[in-house]
Amino acid sequence: MIVVLISGRGSNLRALLDAGLPVSAVISNRADAEGLSLSAARGVTTRVVEHRRHATREAFDAALAAEIDRSAPRLIALAGFMRILTPGFAARYAGRLLNIHPSLLPAFPGLHTHERALAAGVKVHGCTVHFVTAELDHGPIVVQAAVPVLADDDAARLAARVLEQEHVVYPRAVRWFLDGRLDLRNAVVHVKGGDAQLVLPRR
């Protein structure tokens, strides 16, 4: 029912599996991704579509889509998938392609979010689950979690606190989707039933 795309260790994948969500397949663009072993150990089908074997982004995305479609998933969840997807791919799965990003979007799209947050002097940082669109890290926001930026933070300490919240909100957002509770209107997501779409830092 869910296909998860990964490139590395798969910590958010683990959070989805630990939440009992119905992950039917895990696909990685790297054969050495640690998350593949985790998936296999949990009895989840794993596949590899190596981006280096394809001459263009479009060719890679076409091969990736073919693998995804073999599972006929309701939802595709990006979990540390470190490839920029083409507009055509985003359009193909519009409305059923989720991503988790380590910042409070629209702040700090792209890479090195924690370093950039510290350099900017922000006092609150966090993570965002959003629908994927053609524009990188700018799709409609499903849920966000905030963490305070502390005076003695470095990028690693800040990243660790943000990651804890990623593991909270990503399974929540996926469950909302599967339960049919996400209402997307005019590029804004509402949750039927009124569940909070912002997780605030603990006092």
C-alpha atoms as a PDB file:
ATOM      1  CA  MET A   1       0.000   0.000   0.000  1.00  0.00           C
ATOM      2  CA  ILE A   2       2.973   2.325   0.664  1.00  0.00           C
ATOM      3  CA  VAL A   3       6.214   2.404  -1.305  1.00  0.00           C
ATOM      4  CA  VAL A   4       9.053   4.130   0.532  1.00  0.00           C
ATOM      5  CA  LEU A   5      12.007   5.653  -1.329  1.00  0.00           C
ATOM      6  CA  ILE A   6      15.331   5.882   0.517  1.00  0.00           C
ATOM      7  CA  SER A   7      18.979   6.641  -0.107  1.00  0.00           C
ATOM      8  CA  GLY A   8      20.614   5.945   3.251  1.00  0.00           C
ATOM      9  CA  ARG A   9      20.146   4.587   6.748  1.00  0.00           C
ATOM     10  CA  GLY A  10      16.352   4.673   6.704  1.00  0.00           C
ATOM     11  CA  SER A  11      15.601   6.130  10.139  1.00  0.00           C
ATOM     12  CA  ASN A  12      12.293   7.595   8.982  1.00  0.00           C
ATOM     13  CA  LEU A  13      11.554   4.312   7.225  1.00  0.00           C
ATOM     14  CA  ARG A  14      12.076   2.593  10.579  1.00  0.00           C
ATOM     15  CA  ALA A  15       9.627   5.032  12.186  1.00  0.00           C
ATOM     16  CA  LEU A  16       6.996   4.168   9.565  1.00  0.00           C
ATOM     17  CA  LEU A  17       7.532   0.441  10.071  1.00  0.00           C
ATOM     18  CA  ASP A  18       7.517   0.764  13.864  1.00  0.00           C
ATOM     19  CA  ALA A  19       4.174   2.575  13.591  1.00  0.00           C
ATOM     20  CA  GLY A  20       2.727  -0.512  11.884  1.00  0.00           C
ATOM     21  CA  LEU A  21       2.066   1.250   8.596  1.00  0.00           C
ATOM     22  CA  PRO A  22       1.571  -1.008   5.556  1.00  0.00           C
ATOM     23  CA  VAL A  23       4.869  -0.611   3.696  1.00  0.00           C
ATOM     24  CA  SER A  24       4.764  -2.991   0.740  1.00  0.00           C
ATOM     25  CA  ALA A  25       8.110  -2.125  -0.868  1.00  0.00           C
ATOM     26  CA  VAL A  26      11.243  -0.073  -0.281  1.00  0.00           C
ATOM     27  CA  ILE A  27      13.208   1.256  -3.243  1.00  0.00           C
ATOM     28  CA  SER A  28      16.646   2.831  -3.067  1.00  0.00           C
ATOM     29  CA  ASN A  29      18.816   4.583  -5.609  1.00  0.00           C
ATOM     30  CA  ARG A  30      21.857   3.162  -3.783  1.00  0.00           C
ATOM     31  CA  ALA A  31      22.573  -0.544  -3.419  1.00  0.00           C
ATOM     32  CA  ASP A  32      24.513   0.111  -0.193  1.00  0.00           C
ATOM     33  CA  ALA A  33      21.697   1.972   1.587  1.00  0.00           C
ATOM     34  CA  GLU A  34      21.431   0.680   5.147  1.00  0.00           C
ATOM     35  CA  GLY A  35      17.665   0.914   5.024  1.00  0.00           C
ATOM     36  CA  LEU A  36      17.546  -1.997   2.585  1.00  0.00           C
ATOM     37  CA  SER A  37      18.846  -4.400   5.232  1.00  0.00           C
ATOM     38  CA  LEU A  38      16.339  -3.044   7.726  1.00  0.00           C
ATOM     39  CA  SER A  39      13.536  -3.599   5.230  1.00  0.00           C
ATOM     40  CA  ALA A  40      14.625  -7.123   4.372  1.00  0.00           C
ATOM     41  CA  ALA A  41      14.831  -7.990   8.077  1.00  0.00           C
ATOM     42  CA  ARG A  42      11.228  -6.823   8.478  1.00  0.00           C
ATOM     43  CA  GLY A  43      10.097  -8.929   5.511  1.00  0.00           C
ATOM     44  CA  VAL A  44       9.510  -5.956   3.207  1.00  0.00           C
ATOM     45  CA  THR A  45      10.288  -6.277  -0.505  1.00  0.00           C
ATOM     46  CA  THR A  46      13.368  -4.272  -1.513  1.00  0.00           C
ATOM     47  CA  ARG A  47      14.469  -3.032  -4.901  1.00  0.00           C
ATOM     48  CA  VAL A  48      17.337  -0.929  -6.204  1.00  0.00           C
ATOM     49  CA  VAL A  49      17.189   1.524  -9.094  1.00  0.00           C
ATOM     50  CA  GLU A  50      20.661   3.020  -9.310  1.00  0.00           C
ATOM     51  CA  HIS A  51      20.635   6.556 -10.644  1.00  0.00           C
ATOM     52  CA  ARG A  52      24.203   6.203 -11.925  1.00  0.00           C
ATOM     53  CA  ARG A  53      23.032   3.641 -14.475  1.00  0.00           C
ATOM     54  CA  HIS A  54      20.834   6.210 -16.215  1.00  0.00           C
ATOM     55  CA  ALA A  55      22.111   8.965 -18.472  1.00  0.00           C
ATOM     56  CA  THR A  56      19.471  11.542 -17.547  1.00  0.00           C
ATOM     57  CA  ARG A  57      17.211  12.399 -14.643  1.00  0.00           C
ATOM     58  CA  GLU A  58      14.235  11.661 -16.868  1.00  0.00           C
ATOM     59  CA  ALA A  59      15.517   8.164 -17.667  1.00  0.00           C
ATOM     60  CA  PHE A  60      16.115   7.449 -13.990  1.00  0.00           C
ATOM     61  CA  ASP A  61      12.686   8.704 -13.020  1.00  0.00           C
ATOM     62  CA  ALA A  62      11.068   6.542 -15.699  1.00  0.00           C
ATOM     63  CA  ALA A  63      12.852   3.447 -14.368  1.00  0.00           C
ATOM     64  CA  LEU A  64      11.941   4.387 -10.804  1.00  0.00           C
ATOM     65  CA  ALA A  65       8.297   4.892 -11.735  1.00  0.00           C
ATOM     66  CA  ALA A  66       8.203   1.479 -13.395  1.00  0.00           C
ATOM     67  CA  GLU A  67       9.384  -0.135 -10.154  1.00  0.00           C
ATOM     68  CA  ILE A  68       6.942   1.856  -8.058  1.00  0.00           C
ATOM     69  CA  ASP A  69       4.018   0.946 -10.298  1.00  0.00           C
ATOM     70  CA  ARG A  70       4.750  -2.763  -9.875  1.00  0.00           C
ATOM     71  CA  SER A  71       3.417  -2.355  -6.332  1.00  0.00           C
ATOM     72  CA  ALA A  72       0.427  -0.171  -7.307  1.00  0.00           C
ATOM     73  CA  PRO A  73       0.753   1.835  -4.072  1.00  0.00           C
ATOM     74  CA  ARG A  74      -1.758   4.287  -2.663  1.00  0.00           C
ATOM     75  CA  LEU A  75       1.107   6.436  -1.385  1.00  0.00           C
ATOM     76  CA  ILE A  76       4.784   7.006  -2.161  1.00  0.00           C
ATOM     77  CA  ALA A  77       6.772   8.279   0.830  1.00  0.00           C
ATOM     78  CA  LEU A  78      10.207   9.832   0.423  1.00  0.00           C
ATOM     79  CA  ALA A  79      12.332   9.069   3.475  1.00  0.00           C
ATOM     80  CA  GLY A  80      15.799  10.508   3.023  1.00  0.00           C
ATOM     81  CA  PHE A  81      15.644  10.026  -0.734  1.00  0.00           C
ATOM     82  CA  MET A  82      18.476  12.213  -1.993  1.00  0.00           C
ATOM     83  CA  ARG A  83      17.452  12.755  -5.589  1.00  0.00           C
ATOM     84  CA  ILE A  84      15.724  15.750  -7.136  1.00  0.00           C
ATOM     85  CA  LEU A  85      12.710  14.411  -8.985  1.00  0.00           C
ATOM     86  CA  THR A  86      11.618  15.754 -12.356  1.00  0.00           C
ATOM     87  CA  PRO A  87       8.391  17.740 -12.777  1.00  0.00           C
ATOM     88  CA  GLY A  88       6.995  14.859 -14.809  1.00  0.00           C
ATOM     89  CA  PHE A  89       7.538  12.427 -11.944  1.00  0.00           C
ATOM     90  CA  ALA A  90       5.915  14.810  -9.455  1.00  0.00           C
ATOM     91  CA  ALA A  91       2.928  15.218 -11.775  1.00  0.00           C
ATOM     92  CA  ARG A  92       2.594  11.449 -12.280  1.00  0.00           C
ATOM     93  CA  TYR A  93       2.086  10.925  -8.539  1.00  0.00           C
ATOM     94  CA  ALA A  94       0.482  14.268  -7.683  1.00  0.00           C
ATOM     95  CA  GLY A  95      -1.508  14.112  -4.463  1.00  0.00           C
ATOM     96  CA  ARG A  96       0.034  10.834  -3.316  1.00  0.00           C
ATOM     97  CA  LEU A  97       3.712  11.678  -2.966  1.00  0.00           C
ATOM     98  CA  LEU A  98       4.891  12.800   0.494  1.00  0.00           C
ATOM     99  CA  ASN A  99       8.273  14.016   1.718  1.00  0.00           C
ATOM    100  CA  ILE A 100       9.797  14.811   5.113  1.00  0.00           C
ATOM    101  CA  HIS A 101      12.139  17.813   5.134  1.00  0.00           C
ATOM    102  CA  PRO A 102      14.371  18.912   8.051  1.00  0.00           C
ATOM    103  CA  SER A 103      13.278  22.529   8.310  1.00  0.00           C
ATOM    104  CA  LEU A 104      10.159  24.587   8.874  1.00  0.00           C
ATOM    105  CA  LEU A 105       9.335  25.166   5.239  1.00  0.00           C
ATOM    106  CA  PRO A 106       9.319  27.474   3.383  1.00  0.00           C
ATOM    107  CA  ALA A 107      12.478  28.325   5.347  1.00  0.00           C
ATOM    108  CA  PHE A 108      15.666  26.530   4.303  1.00  0.00           C
ATOM    109  CA  PRO A 109      14.669  24.323   1.384  1.00  0.00           C
ATOM    110  CA  GLY A 110      17.382  22.079  -0.028  1.00  0.00           C
ATOM    111  CA  LEU A 111      20.452  20.791   1.808  1.00  0.00           C
ATOM    112  CA  HIS A 112      22.403  21.715   4.978  1.00  0.00           C
ATOM    113  CA  THR A 113      19.307  23.004   6.713  1.00  0.00           C
ATOM    114  CA  HIS A 114      20.661  22.836  10.272  1.00  0.00           C
ATOM    115  CA  GLU A 115      23.863  24.694   9.466  1.00  0.00           C
ATOM    116  CA  ARG A 116      21.871  27.344   7.625  1.00  0.00           C
ATOM    117  CA  ALA A 117      19.403  27.710  10.500  1.00  0.00           C
ATOM    118  CA  LEU A 118      22.243  28.283  12.947  1.00  0.00           C
ATOM    119  CA  ALA A 119      23.947  30.744  10.612  1.00  0.00           C
ATOM    120  CA  ALA A 120      20.696  32.685  10.247  1.00  0.00           C
ATOM    121  CA  GLY A 121      20.268  32.904  13.999  1.00  0.00           C
ATOM    122  CA  VAL A 122      16.729  31.546  14.052  1.00  0.00           C
ATOM    123  CA  LYS A 123      15.314  30.669  17.468  1.00  0.00           C
ATOM    124  CA  VAL A 124      12.956  27.945  16.265  1.00  0.00           C
ATOM    125  CA  HIS A 125      13.754  25.185  13.785  1.00  0.00           C
ATOM    126  CA  GLY A 126      12.040  21.915  12.948  1.00  0.00           C
ATOM    127  CA  CYS A 127      10.712  19.657  10.219  1.00  0.00           C
ATOM    128  CA  THR A 128       7.905  19.547   7.678  1.00  0.00           C
ATOM    129  CA  VAL A 129       5.895  16.814   5.982  1.00  0.00           C
ATOM    130  CA  HIS A 130       4.615  18.061   2.647  1.00  0.00           C
ATOM    131  CA  PHE A 131       3.207  16.925  -0.658  1.00  0.00           C
ATOM    132  CA  VAL A 132       5.822  16.868  -3.413  1.00  0.00           C
ATOM    133  CA  THR A 133       5.398  19.215  -6.354  1.00  0.00           C
ATOM    134  CA  ALA A 134       7.635  20.282  -9.214  1.00  0.00           C
ATOM    135  CA  GLU A 135       9.200  23.030  -7.077  1.00  0.00           C
ATOM    136  CA  LEU A 136      11.794  21.611  -4.678  1.00  0.00           C
ATOM    137  CA  ASP A 137      10.589  21.536  -1.050  1.00  0.00           C
ATOM    138  CA  HIS A 138       7.656  23.860  -1.724  1.00  0.00           C
ATOM    139  CA  GLY A 139       4.632  21.552  -1.849  1.00  0.00           C
ATOM    140  CA  PRO A 140       1.535  21.908   0.350  1.00  0.00           C
ATOM    141  CA  ILE A 141       2.367  21.438   4.041  1.00  0.00           C
ATOM    142  CA  VAL A 142       0.695  18.577   5.915  1.00  0.00           C
ATOM    143  CA  VAL A 143       2.259  18.888   9.370  1.00  0.00           C
ATOM    144  CA  GLN A 144       5.225  20.580  11.031  1.00  0.00           C
ATOM    145  CA  ALA A 145       7.107  20.081  14.282  1.00  0.00           C
ATOM    146  CA  ALA A 146       9.107  22.833  15.951  1.00  0.00           C
ATOM    147  CA  VAL A 147      12.144  22.587  18.210  1.00  0.00           C
ATOM    148  CA  PRO A 148      13.943  25.420  20.013  1.00  0.00           C
ATOM    149  CA  VAL A 149      17.408  26.410  18.880  1.00  0.00           C
ATOM    150  CA  LEU A 150      19.563  26.416  22.003  1.00  0.00           C
ATOM    151  CA  ALA A 151      22.508  28.688  22.707  1.00  0.00           C
ATOM    152  CA  ASP A 152      25.032  25.833  22.707  1.00  0.00           C
ATOM    153  CA  ASP A 153      23.652  24.034  19.657  1.00  0.00           C
ATOM    154  CA  ASP A 154      25.833  22.849  16.826  1.00  0.00           C
ATOM    155  CA  ALA A 155      24.446  21.310  13.658  1.00  0.00           C
ATOM    156  CA  ALA A 156      24.666  17.746  14.983  1.00  0.00           C
ATOM    157  CA  ARG A 157      22.819  18.453  18.237  1.00  0.00           C
ATOM    158  CA  LEU A 158      20.143  20.431  16.459  1.00  0.00           C
ATOM    159  CA  ALA A 159      19.753  17.757  13.784  1.00  0.00           C
ATOM    160  CA  ALA A 160      19.292  15.055  16.429  1.00  0.00           C
ATOM    161  CA  ARG A 161      16.423  16.931  18.080  1.00  0.00           C
ATOM    162  CA  VAL A 162      14.777  17.617  14.744  1.00  0.00           C
ATOM    163  CA  LEU A 163      15.107  13.956  13.753  1.00  0.00           C
ATOM    164  CA  GLU A 164      13.241  12.893  16.895  1.00  0.00           C
ATOM    165  CA  GLN A 165      10.323  15.004  15.753  1.00  0.00           C
ATOM    166  CA  GLU A 166      10.528  13.685  12.207  1.00  0.00           C
ATOM    167  CA  HIS A 167       9.893  10.234  13.640  1.00  0.00           C
ATOM    168  CA  VAL A 168       6.776  11.586  15.364  1.00  0.00           C
ATOM    169  CA  VAL A 169       5.132  13.538  12.556  1.00  0.00           C
ATOM    170  CA  TYR A 170       5.899  11.429   9.490  1.00  0.00           C
ATOM    171  CA  PRO A 171       3.970   8.337  10.635  1.00  0.00           C
ATOM    172  CA  ARG A 172       1.154  10.651  11.747  1.00  0.00           C
ATOM    173  CA  ALA A 173       0.933  12.301   8.326  1.00  0.00           C
ATOM    174  CA  VAL A 174       1.030   8.960   6.507  1.00  0.00           C
ATOM    175  CA  ARG A 175      -1.752   7.609   8.718  1.00  0.00           C
ATOM    176  CA  TRP A 176      -3.867  10.688   8.021  1.00  0.00           C
ATOM    177  CA  PHE A 177      -3.389  10.112   4.293  1.00  0.00           C
ATOM    178  CA  LEU A 178      -4.312   6.435   4.438  1.00  0.00           C
ATOM    179  CA  ASP A 179      -7.362   7.212   6.575  1.00  0.00           C
ATOM    180  CA  GLY A 180      -8.565   9.710   3.979  1.00  0.00           C
ATOM    181  CA  ARG A 181      -8.297  12.632   6.375  1.00  0.00           C
ATOM    182  CA  LEU A 182      -6.189  15.012   4.284  1.00  0.00           C
ATOM    183  CA  ASP A 183      -8.185  17.667   2.437  1.00  0.00           C
ATOM    184  CA  LEU A 184      -6.079  19.591  -0.074  1.00  0.00           C
ATOM    185  CA  ARG A 185      -7.732  22.787  -1.260  1.00  0.00           C
ATOM    186  CA  ASN A 186      -6.043  25.699  -3.049  1.00  0.00           C
ATOM    187  CA  ALA A 187      -2.589  24.300  -2.151  1.00  0.00           C
ATOM    188  CA  VAL A 188      -3.454  24.231   1.569  1.00  0.00           C
ATOM    189  CA  VAL A 189      -3.865  20.986   3.509  1.00  0.00           C
ATOM    190  CA  HIS A 190      -6.512  20.591   6.208  1.00  0.00           C
ATOM    191  CA  VAL A 191      -6.938  17.530   8.415  1.00  0.00           C
ATOM    192  CA  LYS A 192     -10.490  16.287   8.791  1.00  0.00           C
ATOM    193  CA  GLY A 193     -11.298  16.075  12.474  1.00  0.00           C
ATOM    194  CA  GLY A 194      -9.121  19.031  13.342  1.00  0.00           C
ATOM    195  CA  ASP A 195      -5.995  17.229  14.579  1.00  0.00           C
ATOM    196  CA  ALA A 196      -3.130  19.646  15.200  1.00  0.00           C
ATOM    197  CA  GLN A 197      -0.869  20.205  12.210  1.00  0.00           C
ATOM    198  CA  LEU A 198       1.833  21.772  14.369  1.00  0.00           C
ATOM    199  CA  VAL A 199       3.786  19.988  17.098  1.00  0.00           C
ATOM    200  CA  LEU A 200       5.254  22.585  19.448  1.00  0.00           C
ATOM    201  CA  PRO A 201       8.426  22.164  21.522  1.00  0.00           C
ATOM    202  CA  ARG A 202       8.038  20.758  25.003  1.00  0.00           C
ATOM    203  CA  ARG A 203       8.340  23.281  27.786  1.00  0.00           C
END
